[in-house]
């Protein structure tokens, strides 16, 4: 994810009243689903 997209997403989440912990959890879930992490672990 580009830093610009991350910044916009973070601002949007803050506007919705999410805490930093919730933000980190959502970003972590998004990165896991989008990234190769799940695929690599599933194939191993």
Protein backbone atom coordinates (compact mmCIF):
# COMPACT_ATOMS: atom_id res chain seq x y z
CA UNK A 1 0.00 0.00 0.00
CA UNK A 2 1.35 3.44 -0.87
CA UNK A 3 1.85 5.95 1.91
CA UNK A 4 -0.66 8.27 0.24
CA UNK A 5 -3.35 5.57 0.33
CA UNK A 6 -2.44 4.71 3.92
CA UNK A 7 -2.71 8.37 4.93
CA UNK A 8 -6.11 8.77 3.30
CA UNK A 9 -7.33 5.52 4.84
CA UNK A 10 -6.05 6.51 8.27
CA UNK A 11 -7.77 9.89 8.05
CA UNK A 12 -11.02 8.23 6.98
CA UNK A 13 -10.84 5.79 9.89
CA UNK A 14 -10.12 8.61 12.35
CA UNK A 15 -13.11 10.51 10.97
CA UNK A 16 -15.24 7.45 11.72
CA UNK A 17 -13.99 7.48 15.31
CA UNK A 18 -11.83 4.36 15.27
CA UNK A 19 -9.04 4.08 17.80
CA UNK A 20 -5.41 3.57 16.80
CA UNK A 21 -5.63 -0.08 17.89
CA UNK A 22 -8.69 -0.67 15.72
CA UNK A 23 -6.95 1.11 12.83
CA UNK A 24 -3.85 -1.07 13.17
CA UNK A 25 -6.01 -4.21 13.32
CA UNK A 26 -7.90 -3.23 10.16
CA UNK A 27 -4.71 -2.32 8.33
CA UNK A 28 -3.13 -5.60 9.44
CA UNK A 29 -6.11 -7.61 8.23
CA UNK A 30 -6.14 -5.75 4.93
CA UNK A 31 -2.45 -6.35 4.36
CA UNK A 32 -2.77 -10.05 5.23
CA UNK A 33 -5.66 -10.56 2.80
CA UNK A 34 -4.04 -8.55 0.00
CA UNK A 35 -0.48 -9.76 0.53
CA UNK A 36 1.27 -13.03 -0.27
CA UNK A 37 1.42 -14.04 3.40
CA UNK A 38 -1.74 -16.15 3.36
CA UNK A 39 -0.93 -17.75 0.01
CA UNK A 40 2.59 -18.71 1.04
CA UNK A 41 1.45 -20.17 4.37
CA UNK A 42 -1.37 -22.07 2.69
CA UNK A 43 0.96 -23.68 0.15
CA UNK A 44 3.65 -24.63 2.67
